[in-house]
Amino acid sequence: MAKVEKEKKEKKHFFKDFKAELKKVIWPTPKQVINNTTAVITIVLITALIVFMLDLTFETLNTHGVDKLKSIVSKEEGNVLDENIVDNSTDSNTTDTNTTEENTVSET
């Protein structure tokens, strides 16, 4: 029984302390709340606008930059492929000649 009464007193004491602490709080006036809310919303919108503009800028740069790099790489790959074709054809001719010479030498 004493335990139950002690718990009730502690709850009453807690709520009295809670109410006393809330009275000590300095609450903002409605004008301050409106000013602070307006400031926060403005800052959020400005930040969102900056992020949106940066996103568009980087997306545009990426699109044009990647396309330009692809065209440069494809041109270079085309040149490299052309050079490899020329190199391979001269190498195969040399190999064929060497094979023919080896066959001739081994027959003699």
PDB file of N, CA and C in Angstrom:
ATOM      1  N   MET A   1       0.804  -1.186   0.000  1.00  0.00           N
ATOM      2  CA  MET A   1       0.000   0.000   0.000  1.00  0.00           C
ATOM      3  C   MET A   1       0.851   1.256   0.000  1.00  0.00           C
ATOM      4  N   ALA A   2       1.892   1.246   0.827  1.00  0.00           N
ATOM      5  CA  ALA A   2       2.760   2.415   0.935  1.00  0.00           C
ATOM      6  C   ALA A   2       3.472   2.671  -0.395  1.00  0.00           C
ATOM      7  N   LYS A   3       3.737   1.569  -1.090  1.00  0.00           N
ATOM      8  CA  LYS A   3       4.426   1.685  -2.368  1.00  0.00           C
ATOM      9  C   LYS A   3       3.549   2.421  -3.382  1.00  0.00           C
ATOM     10  N   VAL A   4       2.263   2.111  -3.434  1.00  0.00           N
ATOM     11  CA  VAL A   4       1.333   2.725  -4.365  1.00  0.00           C
ATOM     12  C   VAL A   4       1.192   4.211  -4.063  1.00  0.00           C
ATOM     13  N   GLU A   5       1.092   4.571  -2.781  1.00  0.00           N
ATOM     14  CA  GLU A   5       0.969   5.982  -2.388  1.00  0.00           C
ATOM     15  C   GLU A   5       2.237   6.753  -2.737  1.00  0.00           C
ATOM     16  N   LYS A   6       3.384   6.096  -2.585  1.00  0.00           N
ATOM     17  CA  LYS A   6       4.660   6.749  -2.909  1.00  0.00           C
ATOM     18  C   LYS A   6       4.747   7.045  -4.409  1.00  0.00           C
ATOM     19  N   GLU A   7       4.283   6.102  -5.226  1.00  0.00           N
ATOM     20  CA  GLU A   7       4.291   6.293  -6.678  1.00  0.00           C
ATOM     21  C   GLU A   7       3.369   7.435  -7.085  1.00  0.00           C
ATOM     22  N   LYS A   8       2.205   7.555  -6.444  1.00  0.00           N
ATOM     23  CA  LYS A   8       1.267   8.641  -6.750  1.00  0.00           C
ATOM     24  C   LYS A   8       1.884   9.987  -6.401  1.00  0.00           C
ATOM     25  N   LYS A   9       2.582  10.063  -5.269  1.00  0.00           N
ATOM     26  CA  LYS A   9       3.229  11.313  -4.860  1.00  0.00           C
ATOM     27  C   LYS A   9       4.337  11.695  -5.846  1.00  0.00           C
ATOM     28  N   GLU A  10       5.090  10.669  -6.299  1.00  0.00           N
ATOM     29  CA  GLU A  10       6.168  10.937  -7.258  1.00  0.00           C
ATOM     30  C   GLU A  10       5.606  11.449  -8.578  1.00  0.00           C
ATOM     31  N   LYS A  11       4.476  10.881  -9.031  1.00  0.00           N
ATOM     32  CA  LYS A  11       3.850  11.341 -10.275  1.00  0.00           C
ATOM     33  C   LYS A  11       3.353  12.769 -10.133  1.00  0.00           C
ATOM     34  N   LYS A  12       2.701  13.095  -8.988  1.00  0.00           N
ATOM     35  CA  LYS A  12       2.224  14.449  -8.760  1.00  0.00           C
ATOM     36  C   LYS A  12       3.396  15.411  -8.718  1.00  0.00           C
ATOM     37  N   HIS A  13       4.468  14.998  -8.030  1.00  0.00           N
ATOM     38  CA  HIS A  13       5.658  15.845  -7.923  1.00  0.00           C
ATOM     39  C   HIS A  13       6.273  16.085  -9.310  1.00  0.00           C
ATOM     40  N   PHE A  14       6.314  15.016 -10.136  1.00  0.00           N
ATOM     41  CA  PHE A  14       6.870  15.142 -11.483  1.00  0.00           C
ATOM     42  C   PHE A  14       6.080  16.155 -12.302  1.00  0.00           C
ATOM     43  N   PHE A  15       4.766  16.051 -12.305  1.00  0.00           N
ATOM     44  CA  PHE A  15       3.939  16.954 -13.098  1.00  0.00           C
ATOM     45  C   PHE A  15       4.008  18.387 -12.572  1.00  0.00           C
ATOM     46  N   LYS A  16       4.123  18.573 -11.244  1.00  0.00           N
ATOM     47  CA  LYS A  16       4.279  19.923 -10.691  1.00  0.00           C
ATOM     48  C   LYS A  16       5.605  20.520 -11.159  1.00  0.00           C
ATOM     49  N   ASP A  17       6.673  19.721 -11.111  1.00  0.00           N
ATOM     50  CA  ASP A  17       7.984  20.195 -11.581  1.00  0.00           C
ATOM     51  C   ASP A  17       7.952  20.503 -13.084  1.00  0.00           C
ATOM     52  N   PHE A  18       7.272  19.639 -13.811  1.00  0.00           N
ATOM     53  CA  PHE A  18       7.153  19.828 -15.257  1.00  0.00           C
ATOM     54  C   PHE A  18       6.453  21.142 -15.569  1.00  0.00           C
ATOM     55  N   LYS A  19       5.358  21.404 -14.879  1.00  0.00           N
ATOM     56  CA  LYS A  19       4.597  22.637 -15.079  1.00  0.00           C
ATOM     57  C   LYS A  19       5.432  23.851 -14.686  1.00  0.00           C
ATOM     58  N   ALA A  20       6.199  23.737 -13.610  1.00  0.00           N
ATOM     59  CA  ALA A  20       7.054  24.846 -13.170  1.00  0.00           C
ATOM     60  C   ALA A  20       8.135  25.145 -14.215  1.00  0.00           C
ATOM     61  N   GLU A  21       8.705  24.095 -14.802  1.00  0.00           N
ATOM     62  CA  GLU A  21       9.735  24.291 -15.833  1.00  0.00           C
ATOM     63  C   GLU A  21       9.146  24.942 -17.084  1.00  0.00           C
ATOM     64  N   LEU A  22       7.942  24.550 -17.458  1.00  0.00           N
ATOM     65  CA  LEU A  22       7.302  25.157 -18.625  1.00  0.00           C
ATOM     66  C   LEU A  22       7.016  26.638 -18.391  1.00  0.00           C
ATOM     67  N   LYS A  23       6.756  27.025 -17.160  1.00  0.00           N
ATOM     68  CA  LYS A  23       6.530  28.444 -16.857  1.00  0.00           C
ATOM     69  C   LYS A  23       7.819  29.244 -16.994  1.00  0.00           C
ATOM     70  N   LYS A  24       8.969  28.595 -16.799  1.00  0.00           N
ATOM     71  CA  LYS A  24      10.259  29.282 -16.908  1.00  0.00           C
ATOM     72  C   LYS A  24      10.682  29.501 -18.364  1.00  0.00           C
ATOM     73  N   VAL A  25      10.093  28.744 -19.265  1.00  0.00           N
ATOM     74  CA  VAL A  25      10.459  28.840 -20.680  1.00  0.00           C
ATOM     75  C   VAL A  25      10.019  30.193 -21.225  1.00  0.00           C
ATOM     76  N   ILE A  26      10.896  30.815 -22.003  1.00  0.00           N
ATOM     77  CA  ILE A  26      10.548  32.083 -22.659  1.00  0.00           C
ATOM     78  C   ILE A  26      10.003  31.721 -24.037  1.00  0.00           C
ATOM     79  N   TRP A  27       8.706  31.841 -24.204  1.00  0.00           N
ATOM     80  CA  TRP A  27       8.058  31.474 -25.435  1.00  0.00           C
ATOM     81  C   TRP A  27       8.149  32.625 -26.431  1.00  0.00           C
ATOM     82  N   PRO A  28       8.372  32.309 -27.720  1.00  0.00           N
ATOM     83  CA  PRO A  28       8.447  33.378 -28.723  1.00  0.00           C
ATOM     84  C   PRO A  28       7.057  33.966 -28.988  1.00  0.00           C
ATOM     85  N   THR A  29       7.083  35.225 -29.382  1.00  0.00           N
ATOM     86  CA  THR A  29       5.824  35.879 -29.738  1.00  0.00           C
ATOM     87  C   THR A  29       5.388  35.376 -31.112  1.00  0.00           C
ATOM     88  N   PRO A  30       4.123  35.553 -31.451  1.00  0.00           N
ATOM     89  CA  PRO A  30       3.675  35.117 -32.785  1.00  0.00           C
ATOM     90  C   PRO A  30       4.467  35.787 -33.909  1.00  0.00           C
ATOM     91  N   LYS A  31       4.866  37.048 -33.695  1.00  0.00           N
ATOM     92  CA  LYS A  31       5.643  37.749 -34.718  1.00  0.00           C
ATOM     93  C   LYS A  31       7.014  37.079 -34.901  1.00  0.00           C
ATOM     94  N   GLN A  32       7.642  36.682 -33.789  1.00  0.00           N
ATOM     95  CA  GLN A  32       8.937  36.004 -33.874  1.00  0.00           C
ATOM     96  C   GLN A  32       8.798  34.643 -34.566  1.00  0.00           C
ATOM     97  N   VAL A  33       7.704  33.945 -34.265  1.00  0.00           N
ATOM     98  CA  VAL A  33       7.483  32.635 -34.898  1.00  0.00           C
ATOM     99  C   VAL A  33       7.339  32.801 -36.411  1.00  0.00           C
ATOM    100  N   ILE A  34       6.578  33.809 -36.825  1.00  0.00           N
ATOM    101  CA  ILE A  34       6.387  34.055 -38.264  1.00  0.00           C
ATOM    102  C   ILE A  34       7.706  34.446 -38.919  1.00  0.00           C
ATOM    103  N   ASN A  35       8.472  35.326 -38.275  1.00  0.00           N
ATOM    104  CA  ASN A  35       9.773  35.743 -38.832  1.00  0.00           C
ATOM    105  C   ASN A  35      10.723  34.552 -38.963  1.00  0.00           C
ATOM    106  N   ASN A  36      10.810  33.751 -37.917  1.00  0.00           N
ATOM    107  CA  ASN A  36      11.721  32.603 -37.948  1.00  0.00           C
ATOM    108  C   ASN A  36      11.274  31.567 -38.987  1.00  0.00           C
ATOM    109  N   THR A  37       9.976  31.338 -39.071  1.00  0.00           N
ATOM    110  CA  THR A  37       9.458  30.384 -40.056  1.00  0.00           C
ATOM    111  C   THR A  37       9.731  30.871 -41.475  1.00  0.00           C
ATOM    112  N   THR A  38       9.517  32.149 -41.700  1.00  0.00           N
ATOM    113  CA  THR A  38       9.787  32.728 -43.019  1.00  0.00           C
ATOM    114  C   THR A  38      11.271  32.607 -43.375  1.00  0.00           C
ATOM    115  N   ALA A  39      12.137  32.870 -42.404  1.00  0.00           N
ATOM    116  CA  ALA A  39      13.577  32.763 -42.650  1.00  0.00           C
ATOM    117  C   ALA A  39      13.963  31.327 -43.009  1.00  0.00           C
ATOM    118  N   VAL A  40      13.435  30.367 -42.278  1.00  0.00           N
ATOM    119  CA  VAL A  40      13.769  28.965 -42.540  1.00  0.00           C
ATOM    120  C   VAL A  40      13.273  28.537 -43.914  1.00  0.00           C
ATOM    121  N   ILE A  41      12.044  28.874 -44.252  1.00  0.00           N
ATOM    122  CA  ILE A  41      11.492  28.493 -45.557  1.00  0.00           C
ATOM    123  C   ILE A  41      12.282  29.157 -46.689  1.00  0.00           C
ATOM    124  N   THR A  42      12.655  30.425 -46.507  1.00  0.00           N
ATOM    125  CA  THR A  42      13.439  31.131 -47.527  1.00  0.00           C
ATOM    126  C   THR A  42      14.794  30.460 -47.737  1.00  0.00           C
ATOM    127  N   ILE A  43      15.466  30.131 -46.652  1.00  0.00           N
ATOM    128  CA  ILE A  43      16.783  29.487 -46.757  1.00  0.00           C
ATOM    129  C   ILE A  43      16.659  28.119 -47.427  1.00  0.00           C
ATOM    130  N   VAL A  44      15.624  27.373 -47.082  1.00  0.00           N
ATOM    131  CA  VAL A  44      15.421  26.054 -47.701  1.00  0.00           C
ATOM    132  C   VAL A  44      15.162  26.205 -49.200  1.00  0.00           C
ATOM    133  N   LEU A  45      14.343  27.165 -49.596  1.00  0.00           N
ATOM    134  CA  LEU A  45      14.057  27.367 -51.024  1.00  0.00           C
ATOM    135  C   LEU A  45      15.298  27.816 -51.789  1.00  0.00           C
ATOM    136  N   ILE A  46      16.085  28.710 -51.205  1.00  0.00           N
ATOM    137  CA  ILE A  46      17.323  29.169 -51.864  1.00  0.00           C
ATOM    138  C   ILE A  46      18.290  28.000 -52.025  1.00  0.00           C
ATOM    139  N   THR A  47      18.434  27.190 -50.983  1.00  0.00           N
ATOM    140  CA  THR A  47      19.323  26.029 -51.060  1.00  0.00           C
ATOM    141  C   THR A  47      18.830  25.041 -52.112  1.00  0.00           C
ATOM    142  N   ALA A  48      17.524  24.814 -52.156  1.00  0.00           N
ATOM    143  CA  ALA A  48      16.960  23.900 -53.162  1.00  0.00           C
ATOM    144  C   ALA A  48      17.209  24.434 -54.566  1.00  0.00           C
ATOM    145  N   LEU A  49      17.065  25.731 -54.761  1.00  0.00           N
ATOM    146  CA  LEU A  49      17.313  26.344 -56.066  1.00  0.00           C
ATOM    147  C   LEU A  49      18.778  26.189 -56.478  1.00  0.00           C
ATOM    148  N   ILE A  50      19.681  26.412 -55.538  1.00  0.00           N
ATOM    149  CA  ILE A  50      21.118  26.264 -55.833  1.00  0.00           C
ATOM    150  C   ILE A  50      21.435  24.820 -56.216  1.00  0.00           C
ATOM    151  N   VAL A  51      20.907  23.865 -55.453  1.00  0.00           N
ATOM    152  CA  VAL A  51      21.162  22.455 -55.757  1.00  0.00           C
ATOM    153  C   VAL A  51      20.567  22.082 -57.118  1.00  0.00           C
ATOM    154  N   PHE A  52      19.378  22.579 -57.417  1.00  0.00           N
ATOM    155  CA  PHE A  52      18.734  22.306 -58.706  1.00  0.00           C
ATOM    156  C   PHE A  52      19.579  22.858 -59.853  1.00  0.00           C
ATOM    157  N   MET A  53      20.059  24.091 -59.719  1.00  0.00           N
ATOM    158  CA  MET A  53      20.876  24.699 -60.771  1.00  0.00           C
ATOM    159  C   MET A  53      22.192  23.931 -60.954  1.00  0.00           C
ATOM    160  N   LEU A  54      22.829  23.553 -59.849  1.00  0.00           N
ATOM    161  CA  LEU A  54      24.060  22.770 -59.955  1.00  0.00           C
ATOM    162  C   LEU A  54      23.794  21.420 -60.621  1.00  0.00           C
ATOM    163  N   ASP A  55      22.680  20.799 -60.283  1.00  0.00           N
ATOM    164  CA  ASP A  55      22.325  19.520 -60.885  1.00  0.00           C
ATOM    165  C   ASP A  55      22.154  19.663 -62.396  1.00  0.00           C
ATOM    166  N   LEU A  56      21.426  20.693 -62.819  1.00  0.00           N
ATOM    167  CA  LEU A  56      21.244  20.918 -64.257  1.00  0.00           C
ATOM    168  C   LEU A  56      22.577  21.196 -64.948  1.00  0.00           C
ATOM    169  N   THR A  57      23.401  22.019 -64.326  1.00  0.00           N
ATOM    170  CA  THR A  57      24.696  22.361 -64.913  1.00  0.00           C
ATOM    171  C   THR A  57      25.567  21.126 -65.081  1.00  0.00           C
ATOM    172  N   PHE A  58      25.689  20.329 -64.019  1.00  0.00           N
ATOM    173  CA  PHE A  58      26.541  19.138 -64.103  1.00  0.00           C
ATOM    174  C   PHE A  58      25.960  18.098 -65.049  1.00  0.00           C
ATOM    175  N   GLU A  59      24.641  17.998 -65.096  1.00  0.00           N
ATOM    176  CA  GLU A  59      24.023  17.055 -66.024  1.00  0.00           C
ATOM    177  C   GLU A  59      24.315  17.465 -67.467  1.00  0.00           C
ATOM    178  N   THR A  60      24.210  18.770 -67.749  1.00  0.00           N
ATOM    179  CA  THR A  60      24.488  19.264 -69.095  1.00  0.00           C
ATOM    180  C   THR A  60      25.961  19.062 -69.449  1.00  0.00           C
ATOM    181  N   LEU A  61      26.834  19.418 -68.526  1.00  0.00           N
ATOM    182  CA  LEU A  61      28.267  19.213 -68.770  1.00  0.00           C
ATOM    183  C   LEU A  61      28.576  17.739 -68.962  1.00  0.00           C
ATOM    184  N   ASN A  62      27.967  16.903 -68.171  1.00  0.00           N
ATOM    185  CA  ASN A  62      28.210  15.471 -68.278  1.00  0.00           C
ATOM    186  C   ASN A  62      27.719  14.932 -69.616  1.00  0.00           C
ATOM    187  N   THR A  63      26.543  15.357 -70.021  1.00  0.00           N
ATOM    188  CA  THR A  63      25.984  14.880 -71.285  1.00  0.00           C
ATOM    189  C   THR A  63      26.865  15.306 -72.454  1.00  0.00           C
ATOM    190  N   HIS A  64      27.184  16.589 -72.512  1.00  0.00           N
ATOM    191  CA  HIS A  64      28.000  17.072 -73.622  1.00  0.00           C
ATOM    192  C   HIS A  64      29.435  16.574 -73.503  1.00  0.00           C
ATOM    193  N   GLY A  65      29.947  16.507 -72.289  1.00  0.00           N
ATOM    194  CA  GLY A  65      31.314  16.038 -72.086  1.00  0.00           C
ATOM    195  C   GLY A  65      31.464  14.581 -72.442  1.00  0.00           C
ATOM    196  N   VAL A  66      30.510  13.763 -72.044  1.00  0.00           N
ATOM    197  CA  VAL A  66      30.576  12.333 -72.339  1.00  0.00           C
ATOM    198  C   VAL A  66      30.442  12.097 -73.831  1.00  0.00           C
ATOM    199  N   ASP A  67      29.519  12.810 -74.478  1.00  0.00           N
ATOM    200  CA  ASP A  67      29.370  12.653 -75.928  1.00  0.00           C
ATOM    201  C   ASP A  67      30.642  13.056 -76.655  1.00  0.00           C
ATOM    202  N   LYS A  68      31.253  14.142 -76.204  1.00  0.00           N
ATOM    203  CA  LYS A  68      32.489  14.606 -76.842  1.00  0.00           C
ATOM    204  C   LYS A  68      33.603  13.581 -76.623  1.00  0.00           C
ATOM    205  N   LEU A  69      33.704  13.060 -75.388  1.00  0.00           N
ATOM    206  CA  LEU A  69      34.725  12.053 -75.110  1.00  0.00           C
ATOM    207  C   LEU A  69      34.488  10.783 -75.924  1.00  0.00           C
ATOM    208  N   LYS A  70      33.222  10.398 -76.063  1.00  0.00           N
ATOM    209  CA  LYS A  70      32.921   9.212 -76.869  1.00  0.00           C
ATOM    210  C   LYS A  70      33.362   9.407 -78.311  1.00  0.00           C
ATOM    211  N   SER A  71      33.103  10.600 -78.863  1.00  0.00           N
ATOM    212  CA  SER A  71      33.497  10.840 -80.247  1.00  0.00           C
ATOM    213  C   SER A  71      35.019  10.849 -80.381  1.00  0.00           C
ATOM    214  N   ILE A  72      35.701  11.432 -79.405  1.00  0.00           N
ATOM    215  CA  ILE A  72      37.171  11.457 -79.444  1.00  0.00           C
ATOM    216  C   ILE A  72      37.722  10.041 -79.336  1.00  0.00           C
ATOM    217  N   VAL A  73      37.169   9.262 -78.394  1.00  0.00           N
ATOM    218  CA  VAL A  73      37.655   7.899 -78.193  1.00  0.00           C
ATOM    219  C   VAL A  73      37.353   7.039 -79.411  1.00  0.00           C
ATOM    220  N   SER A  74      36.177   7.197 -79.995  1.00  0.00           N
ATOM    221  CA  SER A  74      35.835   6.391 -81.171  1.00  0.00           C
ATOM    222  C   SER A  74      36.743   6.740 -82.351  1.00  0.00           C
ATOM    223  N   LYS A  75      37.082   8.031 -82.491  1.00  0.00           N
ATOM    224  CA  LYS A  75      38.017   8.417 -83.556  1.00  0.00           C
ATOM    225  C   LYS A  75      39.382   7.796 -83.303  1.00  0.00           C
ATOM    226  N   GLU A  76      39.844   7.863 -82.035  1.00  0.00           N
ATOM    227  CA  GLU A  76      41.148   7.296 -81.710  1.00  0.00           C
ATOM    228  C   GLU A  76      41.135   5.789 -81.875  1.00  0.00           C
ATOM    229  N   GLU A  77      40.042   5.143 -81.453  1.00  0.00           N
ATOM    230  CA  GLU A  77      39.951   3.694 -81.623  1.00  0.00           C
ATOM    231  C   GLU A  77      39.948   3.335 -83.101  1.00  0.00           C
ATOM    232  N   GLY A  78      39.276   4.145 -83.913  1.00  0.00           N
ATOM    233  CA  GLY A  78      39.274   3.912 -85.355  1.00  0.00           C
ATOM    234  C   GLY A  78      40.682   4.010 -85.917  1.00  0.00           C
ATOM    235  N   ASN A  79      41.445   5.006 -85.494  1.00  0.00           N
ATOM    236  CA  ASN A  79      42.827   5.150 -85.950  1.00  0.00           C
ATOM    237  C   ASN A  79      43.667   3.980 -85.463  1.00  0.00           C
ATOM    238  N   VAL A  80      43.471   3.571 -84.224  1.00  0.00           N
ATOM    239  CA  VAL A  80      44.245   2.458 -83.677  1.00  0.00           C
ATOM    240  C   VAL A  80      43.887   1.175 -84.407  1.00  0.00           C
ATOM    241  N   LEU A  81      42.600   0.978 -84.684  1.00  0.00           N
ATOM    242  CA  LEU A  81      42.186  -0.217 -85.414  1.00  0.00           C
ATOM    243  C   LEU A  81      42.774  -0.227 -86.814  1.00  0.00           C
ATOM    244  N   ASP A  82      42.766   0.926 -87.482  1.00  0.00           N
ATOM    245  CA  ASP A  82      43.347   1.007 -88.816  1.00  0.00           C
ATOM    246  C   ASP A  82      44.833   0.665 -88.767  1.00  0.00           C
ATOM    247  N   GLU A  83      45.538   1.195 -87.772  1.00  0.00           N
ATOM    248  CA  GLU A  83      46.974   0.915 -87.644  1.00  0.00           C
ATOM    249  C   GLU A  83      47.200  -0.564 -87.351  1.00  0.00           C
ATOM    250  N   ASN A  84      46.345  -1.159 -86.512  1.00  0.00           N
ATOM    251  CA  ASN A  84      46.482  -2.585 -86.194  1.00  0.00           C
ATOM    252  C   ASN A  84      46.231  -3.438 -87.426  1.00  0.00           C
ATOM    253  N   ILE A  85      45.283  -3.039 -88.242  1.00  0.00           N
ATOM    254  CA  ILE A  85      45.009  -3.798 -89.464  1.00  0.00           C
ATOM    255  C   ILE A  85      46.224  -3.754 -90.372  1.00  0.00           C
ATOM    256  N   VAL A  86      46.819  -2.579 -90.524  1.00  0.00           N
ATOM    257  CA  VAL A  86      48.012  -2.447 -91.350  1.00  0.00           C
ATOM    258  C   VAL A  86      49.157  -3.249 -90.742  1.00  0.00           C
ATOM    259  N   ASP A  87      49.351  -3.149 -89.410  1.00  0.00           N
ATOM    260  CA  ASP A  87      50.419  -3.893 -88.740  1.00  0.00           C
ATOM    261  C   ASP A  87      50.199  -5.398 -88.872  1.00  0.00           C
ATOM    262  N   ASN A  88      48.973  -5.846 -88.687  1.00  0.00           N
ATOM    263  CA  ASN A  88      48.690  -7.276 -88.780  1.00  0.00           C
ATOM    264  C   ASN A  88      48.911  -7.804 -90.187  1.00  0.00           C
ATOM    265  N   SER A  89      48.557  -7.026 -91.181  1.00  0.00           N
ATOM    266  CA  SER A  89      48.738  -7.503 -92.553  1.00  0.00           C
ATOM    267  C   SER A  89      50.226  -7.596 -92.871  1.00  0.00           C
ATOM    268  N   THR A  90      51.044  -6.652 -92.430  1.00  0.00           N
ATOM    269  CA  THR A  90      52.480  -6.741 -92.684  1.00  0.00           C
ATOM    270  C   THR A  90      53.089  -7.864 -91.869  1.00  0.00           C
ATOM    271  N   ASP A  91      52.595  -8.076 -90.644  1.00  0.00           N
ATOM    272  CA  ASP A  91      53.110  -9.171 -89.821  1.00  0.00           C
ATOM    273  C   ASP A  91      52.765 -10.520 -90.438  1.00  0.00           C
ATOM    274  N   SER A  92      51.553 -10.661 -90.932  1.00  0.00           N
ATOM    275  CA  SER A  92      51.155 -11.943 -91.522  1.00  0.00           C
ATOM    276  C   SER A  92      51.955 -12.218 -92.791  1.00  0.00           C
ATOM    277  N   ASN A  93      52.258 -11.166 -93.573  1.00  0.00           N
ATOM    278  CA  ASN A  93      53.090 -11.354 -94.765  1.00  0.00           C
ATOM    279  C   ASN A  93      54.475 -11.817 -94.362  1.00  0.00           C
ATOM    280  N   THR A  94      55.017 -11.217 -93.323  1.00  0.00           N
ATOM    281  CA  THR A  94      56.346 -11.589 -92.853  1.00  0.00           C
ATOM    282  C   THR A  94      56.332 -13.015 -92.350  1.00  0.00           C
ATOM    283  N   THR A  95      55.293 -13.389 -91.618  1.00  0.00           N
ATOM    284  CA  THR A  95      55.186 -14.741 -91.090  1.00  0.00           C
ATOM    285  C   THR A  95      55.064 -15.744 -92.225  1.00  0.00           C
ATOM    286  N   ASP A  96      54.256 -15.427 -93.219  1.00  0.00           N
ATOM    287  CA  ASP A  96      54.102 -16.326 -94.361  1.00  0.00           C
ATOM    288  C   ASP A  96      55.431 -16.502 -95.083  1.00  0.00           C
ATOM    289  N   THR A  97      56.168 -15.418 -95.258  1.00  0.00           N
ATOM    290  CA  THR A  97      57.455 -15.479 -95.927  1.00  0.00           C
ATOM    291  C   THR A  97      58.421 -16.322 -95.114  1.00  0.00           C
ATOM    292  N   ASN A  98      58.433 -16.116 -93.798  1.00  0.00           N
ATOM    293  CA  ASN A  98      59.328 -16.897 -92.936  1.00  0.00           C
ATOM    294  C   ASN A  98      58.970 -18.376 -92.979  1.00  0.00           C
ATOM    295  N   THR A  99      57.691 -18.679 -92.988  1.00  0.00           N
ATOM    296  CA  THR A  99      57.260 -20.076 -93.038  1.00  0.00           C
ATOM    297  C   THR A  99      57.679 -20.703 -94.359  1.00  0.00           C
ATOM    298  N   THR A 100      57.535 -19.971 -95.440  1.00  0.00           N
ATOM    299  CA  THR A 100      57.928 -20.480 -96.751  1.00  0.00           C
ATOM    300  C   THR A 100      59.427 -20.711 -96.794  1.00  0.00           C
ATOM    301  N   GLU A 101      60.190 -19.789 -96.231  1.00  0.00           N
ATOM    302  CA  GLU A 101      61.643 -19.946 -96.225  1.00  0.00           C
ATOM    303  C   GLU A 101      62.043 -21.147 -95.381  1.00  0.00           C
ATOM    304  N   GLU A 102      61.378 -21.363 -94.231  1.00  0.00           N
ATOM    305  CA  GLU A 102      61.683 -22.512 -93.379  1.00  0.00           C
ATOM    306  C   GLU A 102      61.372 -23.814 -94.100  1.00  0.00           C
ATOM    307  N   ASN A 103      60.258 -23.836 -94.811  1.00  0.00           N
ATOM    308  CA  ASN A 103      59.884 -25.049 -95.550  1.00  0.00           C
ATOM    309  C   ASN A 103      60.916 -25.341 -96.649  1.00  0.00           C
ATOM    310  N   THR A 104      61.364 -24.305 -97.324  1.00  0.00           N
ATOM    311  CA  THR A 104      62.354 -24.447 -98.382  1.00  0.00           C
ATOM    312  C   THR A 104      63.653 -24.964 -97.798  1.00  0.00           C
ATOM    313  N   VAL A 105      64.084 -24.408 -96.658  1.00  0.00           N
ATOM    314  CA  VAL A 105      65.345 -24.804 -96.034  1.00  0.00           C
ATOM    315  C   VAL A 105      65.244 -26.253 -95.554  1.00  0.00           C
ATOM    316  N   SER A 106      64.148 -26.636 -94.954  1.00  0.00           N
ATOM    317  CA  SER A 106      64.036 -27.999 -94.425  1.00  0.00           C
ATOM    318  C   SER A 106      63.938 -29.027 -95.544  1.00  0.00           C
ATOM    319  N   GLU A 107      63.436 -28.648 -96.715  1.00  0.00           N
ATOM    320  CA  GLU A 107      63.368 -29.582 -97.830  1.00  0.00           C
ATOM    321  C   GLU A 107      64.749 -29.843 -98.399  1.00  0.00           C
ATOM    322  N   THR A 108      65.624 -28.865 -98.340  1.00  0.00           N
ATOM    323  CA  THR A 108      66.965 -29.032 -98.879  1.00  0.00           C
ATOM    324  C   THR A 108      67.813 -29.725 -97.909  1.00  0.00           C
TER     325      THR A 108
END
